[in-house]
Amino acid sequence: MGAAAGGIVGYNWQAIRNKISGDSKGTGTQVTVQQDGPLKVNIPNSISFDTNSYAIKPSFDPVLNSVTRTLQQHPELISNVVGHTDNTGTAAYNQTLSQTVRKA
């Protein structure tokens, strides 16, 4: 699973990169500034979701919270979130699982 937060060319990403990197330390999350400008936050599936589950793992919370705070504190940023399932199960099953809405 990966998420790219950004999209402003020439933006100074260092402080944001350092904050998200610090908040996600030990999770395997990689935060990099791309050559074309935006910041990329690559989140490993080992901390995000279990196979056959749409429930977010507790280990994913610090990363999500950090990215959320960053986007709230910097409304000028544009985010693009891209996610993928693992390769377990059929494409149809994984599509259904990814669209499951948990009711509170």
PDB file of N, CA and C in Angstrom:
ATOM      1  N   MET A   1       0.849  -1.159   0.000  1.00  0.00           N
ATOM      2  CA  MET A   1       0.000   0.000   0.000  1.00  0.00           C
ATOM      3  C   MET A   1       0.890   1.214   0.000  1.00  0.00           C
ATOM      4  N   GLY A   2       0.511   2.238  -0.732  1.00  0.00           N
ATOM      5  CA  GLY A   2       1.308   3.450  -0.759  1.00  0.00           C
ATOM      6  C   GLY A   2       0.430   4.668  -0.783  1.00  0.00           C
ATOM      7  N   ALA A   3       0.966   5.757  -0.331  1.00  0.00           N
ATOM      8  CA  ALA A   3       0.216   7.010  -0.367  1.00  0.00           C
ATOM      9  C   ALA A   3       1.170   8.112  -0.753  1.00  0.00           C
ATOM     10  N   ALA A   4       0.737   8.965  -1.637  1.00  0.00           N
ATOM     11  CA  ALA A   4       1.552  10.115  -2.002  1.00  0.00           C
ATOM     12  C   ALA A   4       0.845  11.353  -1.494  1.00  0.00           C
ATOM     13  N   ALA A   5       1.491  12.079  -0.620  1.00  0.00           N
ATOM     14  CA  ALA A   5       0.930  13.337  -0.128  1.00  0.00           C
ATOM     15  C   ALA A   5       1.751  14.442  -0.760  1.00  0.00           C
ATOM     16  N   GLY A   6       1.121  15.298  -1.487  1.00  0.00           N
ATOM     17  CA  GLY A   6       1.885  16.373  -2.091  1.00  0.00           C
ATOM     18  C   GLY A   6       1.357  16.773  -3.428  1.00  0.00           C
ATOM     19  N   GLY A   7       2.220  17.249  -4.259  1.00  0.00           N
ATOM     20  CA  GLY A   7       1.834  17.666  -5.584  1.00  0.00           C
ATOM     21  C   GLY A   7       2.238  19.088  -5.901  1.00  0.00           C
ATOM     22  N   ILE A   8       2.925  19.759  -5.004  1.00  0.00           N
ATOM     23  CA  ILE A   8       3.359  21.130  -5.259  1.00  0.00           C
ATOM     24  C   ILE A   8       4.844  21.099  -5.600  1.00  0.00           C
ATOM     25  N   VAL A   9       5.171  21.444  -6.810  1.00  0.00           N
ATOM     26  CA  VAL A   9       6.556  21.441  -7.257  1.00  0.00           C
ATOM     27  C   VAL A   9       7.291  22.594  -6.578  1.00  0.00           C
ATOM     28  N   GLY A  10       8.484  22.332  -6.083  1.00  0.00           N
ATOM     29  CA  GLY A  10       9.293  23.356  -5.453  1.00  0.00           C
ATOM     30  C   GLY A  10       8.967  23.587  -3.985  1.00  0.00           C
ATOM     31  N   TYR A  11       8.027  22.866  -3.443  1.00  0.00           N
ATOM     32  CA  TYR A  11       7.643  22.999  -2.039  1.00  0.00           C
ATOM     33  C   TYR A  11       8.764  22.455  -1.170  1.00  0.00           C
ATOM     34  N   ASN A  12       9.008  23.058  -0.015  1.00  0.00           N
ATOM     35  CA  ASN A  12      10.041  22.566   0.891  1.00  0.00           C
ATOM     36  C   ASN A  12       9.465  21.431   1.736  1.00  0.00           C
ATOM     37  N   TRP A  13       9.774  20.221   1.350  1.00  0.00           N
ATOM     38  CA  TRP A  13       9.204  19.045   1.975  1.00  0.00           C
ATOM     39  C   TRP A  13       9.992  18.546   3.184  1.00  0.00           C
ATOM     40  N   GLN A  14      11.154  19.089   3.448  1.00  0.00           N
ATOM     41  CA  GLN A  14      12.044  18.512   4.461  1.00  0.00           C
ATOM     42  C   GLN A  14      11.393  18.416   5.847  1.00  0.00           C
ATOM     43  N   ALA A  15      10.757  19.487   6.320  1.00  0.00           N
ATOM     44  CA  ALA A  15      10.153  19.465   7.652  1.00  0.00           C
ATOM     45  C   ALA A  15       9.014  18.448   7.712  1.00  0.00           C
ATOM     46  N   ILE A  16       8.199  18.398   6.668  1.00  0.00           N
ATOM     47  CA  ILE A  16       7.091  17.446   6.624  1.00  0.00           C
ATOM     48  C   ILE A  16       7.628  16.020   6.540  1.00  0.00           C
ATOM     49  N   ARG A  17       8.631  15.821   5.720  1.00  0.00           N
ATOM     50  CA  ARG A  17       9.248  14.498   5.589  1.00  0.00           C
ATOM     51  C   ARG A  17       9.799  14.037   6.931  1.00  0.00           C
ATOM     52  N   ASN A  18      10.513  14.925   7.627  1.00  0.00           N
ATOM     53  CA  ASN A  18      11.092  14.578   8.922  1.00  0.00           C
ATOM     54  C   ASN A  18      10.014  14.240   9.952  1.00  0.00           C
ATOM     55  N   LYS A  19       8.927  15.000   9.973  1.00  0.00           N
ATOM     56  CA  LYS A  19       7.851  14.767  10.934  1.00  0.00           C
ATOM     57  C   LYS A  19       7.194  13.411  10.686  1.00  0.00           C
ATOM     58  N   ILE A  20       6.809  13.127   9.454  1.00  0.00           N
ATOM     59  CA  ILE A  20       6.155  11.849   9.152  1.00  0.00           C
ATOM     60  C   ILE A  20       7.124  10.692   9.371  1.00  0.00           C
ATOM     61  N   SER A  21       8.375  10.871   8.997  1.00  0.00           N
ATOM     62  CA  SER A  21       9.379   9.824   9.215  1.00  0.00           C
ATOM     63  C   SER A  21       9.540   9.525  10.698  1.00  0.00           C
ATOM     64  N   GLY A  22       9.578  10.570  11.519  1.00  0.00           N
ATOM     65  CA  GLY A  22       9.706  10.378  12.963  1.00  0.00           C
ATOM     66  C   GLY A  22       8.498   9.696  13.566  1.00  0.00           C
ATOM     67  N   ASP A  23       7.312  10.118  13.145  1.00  0.00           N
ATOM     68  CA  ASP A  23       6.076   9.543  13.679  1.00  0.00           C
ATOM     69  C   ASP A  23       5.891   8.086  13.270  1.00  0.00           C
ATOM     70  N   SER A  24       6.472   7.695  12.149  1.00  0.00           N
ATOM     71  CA  SER A  24       6.290   6.330  11.651  1.00  0.00           C
ATOM     72  C   SER A  24       7.536   5.463  11.854  1.00  0.00           C
ATOM     73  N   LYS A  25       8.483   5.949  12.651  1.00  0.00           N
ATOM     74  CA  LYS A  25       9.732   5.218  12.870  1.00  0.00           C
ATOM     75  C   LYS A  25       9.447   3.802  13.386  1.00  0.00           C
ATOM     76  N   GLY A  26      10.148   2.845  12.824  1.00  0.00           N
ATOM     77  CA  GLY A  26      10.002   1.456  13.229  1.00  0.00           C
ATOM     78  C   GLY A  26       8.874   0.702  12.541  1.00  0.00           C
ATOM     79  N   THR A  27       8.144   1.374  11.654  1.00  0.00           N
ATOM     80  CA  THR A  27       7.020   0.718  10.971  1.00  0.00           C
ATOM     81  C   THR A  27       7.393   0.195   9.589  1.00  0.00           C
ATOM     82  N   GLY A  28       8.553   0.587   9.093  1.00  0.00           N
ATOM     83  CA  GLY A  28       8.937   0.215   7.735  1.00  0.00           C
ATOM     84  C   GLY A  28       8.424   1.192   6.686  1.00  0.00           C
ATOM     85  N   THR A  29       7.736   2.241   7.131  1.00  0.00           N
ATOM     86  CA  THR A  29       7.232   3.261   6.216  1.00  0.00           C
ATOM     87  C   THR A  29       8.394   4.057   5.649  1.00  0.00           C
ATOM     88  N   GLN A  30       8.363   4.306   4.346  1.00  0.00           N
ATOM     89  CA  GLN A  30       9.408   5.081   3.676  1.00  0.00           C
ATOM     90  C   GLN A  30       8.815   6.400   3.204  1.00  0.00           C
ATOM     91  N   VAL A  31       9.478   7.494   3.544  1.00  0.00           N
ATOM     92  CA  VAL A  31       9.033   8.823   3.149  1.00  0.00           C
ATOM     93  C   VAL A  31      10.130   9.422   2.282  1.00  0.00           C
ATOM     94  N   THR A  32       9.794   9.715   1.020  1.00  0.00           N
ATOM     95  CA  THR A  32      10.792  10.237   0.089  1.00  0.00           C
ATOM     96  C   THR A  32      10.225  11.411  -0.706  1.00  0.00           C
ATOM     97  N   VAL A  33      11.123  12.312  -1.070  1.00  0.00           N
ATOM     98  CA  VAL A  33      10.754  13.402  -1.979  1.00  0.00           C
ATOM     99  C   VAL A  33      11.053  12.906  -3.390  1.00  0.00           C
ATOM    100  N   GLN A  34      10.040  12.927  -4.242  1.00  0.00           N
ATOM    101  CA  GLN A  34      10.175  12.442  -5.606  1.00  0.00           C
ATOM    102  C   GLN A  34      10.891  13.468  -6.483  1.00  0.00           C
ATOM    103  N   GLN A  35      11.514  12.999  -7.552  1.00  0.00           N
ATOM    104  CA  GLN A  35      12.251  13.890  -8.452  1.00  0.00           C
ATOM    105  C   GLN A  35      11.364  14.948  -9.083  1.00  0.00           C
ATOM    106  N   ASP A  36      10.082  14.623  -9.290  1.00  0.00           N
ATOM    107  CA  ASP A  36       9.179  15.591  -9.919  1.00  0.00           C
ATOM    108  C   ASP A  36       8.509  16.510  -8.901  1.00  0.00           C
ATOM    109  N   GLY A  37       8.919  16.423  -7.620  1.00  0.00           N
ATOM    110  CA  GLY A  37       8.454  17.383  -6.637  1.00  0.00           C
ATOM    111  C   GLY A  37       7.699  16.864  -5.441  1.00  0.00           C
ATOM    112  N   PRO A  38       6.697  15.992  -5.592  1.00  0.00           N
ATOM    113  CA  PRO A  38       5.880  15.638  -4.428  1.00  0.00           C
ATOM    114  C   PRO A  38       6.574  14.699  -3.441  1.00  0.00           C
ATOM    115  N   LEU A  39       5.966  14.626  -2.288  1.00  0.00           N
ATOM    116  CA  LEU A  39       6.412  13.722  -1.238  1.00  0.00           C
ATOM    117  C   LEU A  39       5.662  12.407  -1.387  1.00  0.00           C
ATOM    118  N   LYS A  40       6.355  11.300  -1.216  1.00  0.00           N
ATOM    119  CA  LYS A  40       5.727   9.984  -1.305  1.00  0.00           C
ATOM    120  C   LYS A  40       5.885   9.282   0.034  1.00  0.00           C
ATOM    121  N   VAL A  41       4.766   8.786   0.555  1.00  0.00           N
ATOM    122  CA  VAL A  41       4.757   8.015   1.794  1.00  0.00           C
ATOM    123  C   VAL A  41       4.381   6.594   1.411  1.00  0.00           C
ATOM    124  N   ASN A  42       5.336   5.684   1.478  1.00  0.00           N
ATOM    125  CA  ASN A  42       5.112   4.296   1.093  1.00  0.00           C
ATOM    126  C   ASN A  42       4.939   3.464   2.365  1.00  0.00           C
ATOM    127  N   ILE A  43       3.738   2.943   2.563  1.00  0.00           N
ATOM    128  CA  ILE A  43       3.371   2.231   3.783  1.00  0.00           C
ATOM    129  C   ILE A  43       3.318   0.737   3.486  1.00  0.00           C
ATOM    130  N   PRO A  44       4.119  -0.068   4.193  1.00  0.00           N
ATOM    131  CA  PRO A  44       4.117  -1.507   3.912  1.00  0.00           C
ATOM    132  C   PRO A  44       2.824  -2.172   4.374  1.00  0.00           C
ATOM    133  N   ASN A  45       2.413  -3.201   3.652  1.00  0.00           N
ATOM    134  CA  ASN A  45       1.174  -3.890   4.016  1.00  0.00           C
ATOM    135  C   ASN A  45       1.283  -4.626   5.342  1.00  0.00           C
ATOM    136  N   SER A  46       2.495  -4.865   5.816  1.00  0.00           N
ATOM    137  CA  SER A  46       2.668  -5.570   7.092  1.00  0.00           C
ATOM    138  C   SER A  46       2.132  -4.773   8.278  1.00  0.00           C
ATOM    139  N   ILE A  47       1.973  -3.445   8.137  1.00  0.00           N
ATOM    140  CA  ILE A  47       1.434  -2.645   9.238  1.00  0.00           C
ATOM    141  C   ILE A  47       0.034  -2.115   8.952  1.00  0.00           C
ATOM    142  N   SER A  48      -0.480  -2.318   7.757  1.00  0.00           N
ATOM    143  CA  SER A  48      -1.743  -1.681   7.399  1.00  0.00           C
ATOM    144  C   SER A  48      -2.957  -2.587   7.586  1.00  0.00           C
ATOM    145  N   PHE A  49      -3.004  -3.713   6.908  1.00  0.00           N
ATOM    146  CA  PHE A  49      -4.166  -4.605   6.959  1.00  0.00           C
ATOM    147  C   PHE A  49      -3.710  -6.052   6.954  1.00  0.00           C
ATOM    148  N   ASP A  50      -4.458  -6.905   7.617  1.00  0.00           N
ATOM    149  CA  ASP A  50      -4.229  -8.343   7.520  1.00  0.00           C
ATOM    150  C   ASP A  50      -4.880  -8.860   6.238  1.00  0.00           C
ATOM    151  N   THR A  51      -4.405  -9.988   5.732  1.00  0.00           N
ATOM    152  CA  THR A  51      -5.041 -10.649   4.603  1.00  0.00           C
ATOM    153  C   THR A  51      -6.479 -10.994   4.984  1.00  0.00           C
ATOM    154  N   ASN A  52      -7.396 -10.802   4.040  1.00  0.00           N
ATOM    155  CA  ASN A  52      -8.822 -11.070   4.233  1.00  0.00           C
ATOM    156  C   ASN A  52      -9.483 -10.130   5.240  1.00  0.00           C
ATOM    157  N   SER A  53      -8.921  -8.938   5.412  1.00  0.00           N
ATOM    158  CA  SER A  53      -9.489  -7.998   6.376  1.00  0.00           C
ATOM    159  C   SER A  53      -9.426  -6.576   5.841  1.00  0.00           C
ATOM    160  N   TYR A  54     -10.452  -5.815   6.149  1.00  0.00           N
ATOM    161  CA  TYR A  54     -10.450  -4.396   5.818  1.00  0.00           C
ATOM    162  C   TYR A  54     -10.168  -3.556   7.066  1.00  0.00           C
ATOM    163  N   ALA A  55     -10.040  -4.199   8.230  1.00  0.00           N
ATOM    164  CA  ALA A  55      -9.801  -3.493   9.486  1.00  0.00           C
ATOM    165  C   ALA A  55      -8.360  -2.981   9.543  1.00  0.00           C
ATOM    166  N   ILE A  56      -8.217  -1.725   9.883  1.00  0.00           N
ATOM    167  CA  ILE A  56      -6.890  -1.115  10.004  1.00  0.00           C
ATOM    168  C   ILE A  56      -6.200  -1.663  11.254  1.00  0.00           C
ATOM    169  N   LYS A  57      -4.938  -2.075  11.102  1.00  0.00           N
ATOM    170  CA  LYS A  57      -4.160  -2.564  12.241  1.00  0.00           C
ATOM    171  C   LYS A  57      -3.776  -1.387  13.145  1.00  0.00           C
ATOM    172  N   PRO A  58      -3.665  -1.621  14.449  1.00  0.00           N
ATOM    173  CA  PRO A  58      -3.234  -0.550  15.365  1.00  0.00           C
ATOM    174  C   PRO A  58      -1.862   0.030  14.994  1.00  0.00           C
ATOM    175  N   SER A  59      -0.991  -0.778  14.395  1.00  0.00           N
ATOM    176  CA  SER A  59       0.340  -0.290  14.015  1.00  0.00           C
ATOM    177  C   SER A  59       0.281   0.732  12.887  1.00  0.00           C
ATOM    178  N   PHE A  60      -0.869   0.822  12.217  1.00  0.00           N
ATOM    179  CA  PHE A  60      -1.060   1.765  11.115  1.00  0.00           C
ATOM    180  C   PHE A  60      -1.463   3.146  11.635  1.00  0.00           C
ATOM    181  N   ASP A  61      -2.031   3.208  12.845  1.00  0.00           N
ATOM    182  CA  ASP A  61      -2.540   4.455  13.396  1.00  0.00           C
ATOM    183  C   ASP A  61      -1.526   5.606  13.426  1.00  0.00           C
ATOM    184  N   PRO A  62      -0.292   5.397  13.922  1.00  0.00           N
ATOM    185  CA  PRO A  62       0.641   6.528  13.971  1.00  0.00           C
ATOM    186  C   PRO A  62       0.937   7.136  12.597  1.00  0.00           C
ATOM    187  N   VAL A  63       1.025   6.282  11.590  1.00  0.00           N
ATOM    188  CA  VAL A  63       1.297   6.768  10.234  1.00  0.00           C
ATOM    189  C   VAL A  63       0.099   7.548   9.705  1.00  0.00           C
ATOM    190  N   LEU A  64      -1.088   6.968   9.823  1.00  0.00           N
ATOM    191  CA  LEU A  64      -2.299   7.654   9.354  1.00  0.00           C
ATOM    192  C   LEU A  64      -2.513   8.972  10.089  1.00  0.00           C
ATOM    193  N   ASN A  65      -2.319   8.959  11.395  1.00  0.00           N
ATOM    194  CA  ASN A  65      -2.510  10.178  12.176  1.00  0.00           C
ATOM    195  C   ASN A  65      -1.523  11.261  11.771  1.00  0.00           C
ATOM    196  N   SER A  66      -0.288  10.886  11.515  1.00  0.00           N
ATOM    197  CA  SER A  66       0.723  11.859  11.114  1.00  0.00           C
ATOM    198  C   SER A  66       0.402  12.480   9.759  1.00  0.00           C
ATOM    199  N   VAL A  67       0.021  11.642   8.804  1.00  0.00           N
ATOM    200  CA  VAL A  67      -0.333  12.149   7.470  1.00  0.00           C
ATOM    201  C   VAL A  67      -1.577  13.033   7.570  1.00  0.00           C
ATOM    202  N   THR A  68      -2.550  12.607   8.365  1.00  0.00           N
ATOM    203  CA  THR A  68      -3.773  13.399   8.537  1.00  0.00           C
ATOM    204  C   THR A  68      -3.465  14.756   9.134  1.00  0.00           C
ATOM    205  N   ARG A  69      -2.677  14.786  10.210  1.00  0.00           N
ATOM    206  CA  ARG A  69      -2.298  16.072  10.837  1.00  0.00           C
ATOM    207  C   ARG A  69      -1.566  16.971   9.851  1.00  0.00           C
ATOM    208  N   THR A  70      -0.670  16.382   9.071  1.00  0.00           N
ATOM    209  CA  THR A  70       0.090  17.160   8.100  1.00  0.00           C
ATOM    210  C   THR A  70      -0.831  17.804   7.074  1.00  0.00           C
ATOM    211  N   LEU A  71      -1.778  17.038   6.562  1.00  0.00           N
ATOM    212  CA  LEU A  71      -2.711  17.577   5.574  1.00  0.00           C
ATOM    213  C   LEU A  71      -3.612  18.647   6.186  1.00  0.00           C
ATOM    214  N   GLN A  72      -3.993  18.472   7.444  1.00  0.00           N
ATOM    215  CA  GLN A  72      -4.819  19.479   8.114  1.00  0.00           C
ATOM    216  C   GLN A  72      -4.030  20.764   8.369  1.00  0.00           C
ATOM    217  N   GLN A  73      -2.754  20.629   8.722  1.00  0.00           N
ATOM    218  CA  GLN A  73      -1.920  21.789   9.020  1.00  0.00           C
ATOM    219  C   GLN A  73      -1.444  22.514   7.760  1.00  0.00           C
ATOM    220  N   HIS A  74      -1.508  21.845   6.632  1.00  0.00           N
ATOM    221  CA  HIS A  74      -1.044  22.410   5.359  1.00  0.00           C
ATOM    222  C   HIS A  74      -2.140  22.244   4.308  1.00  0.00           C
ATOM    223  N   PRO A  75      -3.199  23.035   4.397  1.00  0.00           N
ATOM    224  CA  PRO A  75      -4.319  22.873   3.460  1.00  0.00           C
ATOM    225  C   PRO A  75      -3.948  23.151   1.999  1.00  0.00           C
ATOM    226  N   GLU A  76      -2.793  23.743   1.773  1.00  0.00           N
ATOM    227  CA  GLU A  76      -2.356  23.995   0.402  1.00  0.00           C
ATOM    228  C   GLU A  76      -1.885  22.718  -0.298  1.00  0.00           C
ATOM    229  N   LEU A  77      -1.667  21.660   0.467  1.00  0.00           N
ATOM    230  CA  LEU A  77      -1.205  20.396  -0.109  1.00  0.00           C
ATOM    231  C   LEU A  77      -2.356  19.653  -0.770  1.00  0.00           C
ATOM    232  N   ILE A  78      -2.014  18.963  -1.813  1.00  0.00           N
ATOM    233  CA  ILE A  78      -2.957  18.114  -2.534  1.00  0.00           C
ATOM    234  C   ILE A  78      -2.482  16.682  -2.339  1.00  0.00           C
ATOM    235  N   SER A  79      -3.394  15.793  -1.979  1.00  0.00           N
ATOM    236  CA  SER A  79      -2.973  14.411  -1.760  1.00  0.00           C
ATOM    237  C   SER A  79      -3.608  13.477  -2.770  1.00  0.00           C
ATOM    238  N   ASN A  80      -2.892  12.438  -3.056  1.00  0.00           N
ATOM    239  CA  ASN A  80      -3.355  11.372  -3.941  1.00  0.00           C
ATOM    240  C   ASN A  80      -3.033  10.070  -3.221  1.00  0.00           C
ATOM    241  N   VAL A  81      -4.046   9.295  -2.904  1.00  0.00           N
ATOM    242  CA  VAL A  81      -3.845   8.056  -2.167  1.00  0.00           C
ATOM    243  C   VAL A  81      -4.055   6.884  -3.117  1.00  0.00           C
ATOM    244  N   VAL A  82      -3.071   5.993  -3.141  1.00  0.00           N
ATOM    245  CA  VAL A  82      -3.137   4.802  -3.982  1.00  0.00           C
ATOM    246  C   VAL A  82      -2.914   3.600  -3.080  1.00  0.00           C
ATOM    247  N   GLY A  83      -3.794   2.611  -3.159  1.00  0.00           N
ATOM    248  CA  GLY A  83      -3.649   1.425  -2.331  1.00  0.00           C
ATOM    249  C   GLY A  83      -3.876   0.167  -3.136  1.00  0.00           C
ATOM    250  N   HIS A  84      -3.294  -0.899  -2.673  1.00  0.00           N
ATOM    251  CA  HIS A  84      -3.415  -2.188  -3.360  1.00  0.00           C
ATOM    252  C   HIS A  84      -3.612  -3.294  -2.337  1.00  0.00           C
ATOM    253  N   THR A  85      -4.334  -4.322  -2.723  1.00  0.00           N
ATOM    254  CA  THR A  85      -4.460  -5.503  -1.879  1.00  0.00           C
ATOM    255  C   THR A  85      -3.205  -6.355  -2.041  1.00  0.00           C
ATOM    256  N   ASP A  86      -3.114  -7.401  -1.237  1.00  0.00           N
ATOM    257  CA  ASP A  86      -2.044  -8.366  -1.479  1.00  0.00           C
ATOM    258  C   ASP A  86      -2.480  -9.265  -2.640  1.00  0.00           C
ATOM    259  N   ASN A  87      -1.708 -10.276  -2.937  1.00  0.00           N
ATOM    260  CA  ASN A  87      -2.043 -11.125  -4.084  1.00  0.00           C
ATOM    261  C   ASN A  87      -2.790 -12.389  -3.666  1.00  0.00           C
ATOM    262  N   THR A  88      -3.452 -12.347  -2.497  1.00  0.00           N
ATOM    263  CA  THR A  88      -4.233 -13.478  -2.005  1.00  0.00           C
ATOM    264  C   THR A  88      -5.676 -13.315  -2.440  1.00  0.00           C
ATOM    265  N   GLY A  89      -6.273 -14.357  -2.989  1.00  0.00           N
ATOM    266  CA  GLY A  89      -7.668 -14.301  -3.414  1.00  0.00           C
ATOM    267  C   GLY A  89      -7.804 -13.778  -4.828  1.00  0.00           C
ATOM    268  N   THR A  90      -9.027 -13.833  -5.315  1.00  0.00           N
ATOM    269  CA  THR A  90      -9.297 -13.381  -6.674  1.00  0.00           C
ATOM    270  C   THR A  90      -9.405 -11.859  -6.720  1.00  0.00           C
ATOM    271  N   ALA A  91      -9.289 -11.304  -7.895  1.00  0.00           N
ATOM    272  CA  ALA A  91      -9.442  -9.855  -8.066  1.00  0.00           C
ATOM    273  C   ALA A  91     -10.826  -9.409  -7.625  1.00  0.00           C
ATOM    274  N   ALA A  92     -11.854 -10.200  -7.956  1.00  0.00           N
ATOM    275  CA  ALA A  92     -13.223  -9.850  -7.582  1.00  0.00           C
ATOM    276  C   ALA A  92     -13.388  -9.841  -6.059  1.00  0.00           C
ATOM    277  N   TYR A  93     -12.825 -10.834  -5.381  1.00  0.00           N
ATOM    278  CA  TYR A  93     -12.911 -10.886  -3.917  1.00  0.00           C
ATOM    279  C   TYR A  93     -12.217  -9.672  -3.302  1.00  0.00           C
ATOM    280  N   ASN A  94     -11.022  -9.369  -3.770  1.00  0.00           N
ATOM    281  CA  ASN A  94     -10.271  -8.246  -3.222  1.00  0.00           C
ATOM    282  C   ASN A  94     -10.968  -6.918  -3.495  1.00  0.00           C
ATOM    283  N   GLN A  95     -11.619  -6.794  -4.643  1.00  0.00           N
ATOM    284  CA  GLN A  95     -12.370  -5.577  -4.944  1.00  0.00           C
ATOM    285  C   GLN A  95     -13.519  -5.411  -3.956  1.00  0.00           C
ATOM    286  N   THR A  96     -14.240  -6.484  -3.706  1.00  0.00           N
ATOM    287  CA  THR A  96     -15.350  -6.452  -2.743  1.00  0.00           C
ATOM    288  C   THR A  96     -14.846  -6.096  -1.346  1.00  0.00           C
ATOM    289  N   LEU A  97     -13.747  -6.726  -0.939  1.00  0.00           N
ATOM    290  CA  LEU A  97     -13.156  -6.455   0.369  1.00  0.00           C
ATOM    291  C   LEU A  97     -12.733  -4.992   0.484  1.00  0.00           C
ATOM    292  N   SER A  98     -12.170  -4.444  -0.575  1.00  0.00           N
ATOM    293  CA  SER A  98     -11.688  -3.054  -0.529  1.00  0.00           C
ATOM    294  C   SER A  98     -12.835  -2.044  -0.475  1.00  0.00           C
ATOM    295  N   GLN A  99     -14.016  -2.469  -0.861  1.00  0.00           N
ATOM    296  CA  GLN A  99     -15.180  -1.567  -0.859  1.00  0.00           C
ATOM    297  C   GLN A  99     -16.091  -1.793   0.340  1.00  0.00           C
ATOM    298  N   THR A 100     -15.686  -2.673   1.243  1.00  0.00           N
ATOM    299  CA  THR A 100     -16.491  -2.957   2.426  1.00  0.00           C
ATOM    300  C   THR A 100     -16.503  -1.729   3.329  1.00  0.00           C
ATOM    301  N   VAL A 101     -17.673  -1.402   3.812  1.00  0.00           N
ATOM    302  CA  VAL A 101     -17.822  -0.267   4.725  1.00  0.00           C
ATOM    303  C   VAL A 101     -18.198  -0.829   6.087  1.00  0.00           C
ATOM    304  N   ARG A 102     -17.386  -0.506   7.072  1.00  0.00           N
ATOM    305  CA  ARG A 102     -17.675  -0.967   8.422  1.00  0.00           C
ATOM    306  C   ARG A 102     -18.621   0.014   9.087  1.00  0.00           C
ATOM    307  N   LYS A 103     -19.700  -0.501   9.625  1.00  0.00           N
ATOM    308  CA  LYS A 103     -20.686   0.340  10.289  1.00  0.00           C
ATOM    309  C   LYS A 103     -20.395   0.380  11.777  1.00  0.00           C
ATOM    310  N   ALA A 104     -20.439   1.573  12.328  1.00  0.00           N
ATOM    311  CA  ALA A 104     -20.143   1.744  13.757  1.00  0.00           C
ATOM    312  C   ALA A 104     -21.306   1.297  14.616  1.00  0.00           C
TER     313      ALA A 104
END
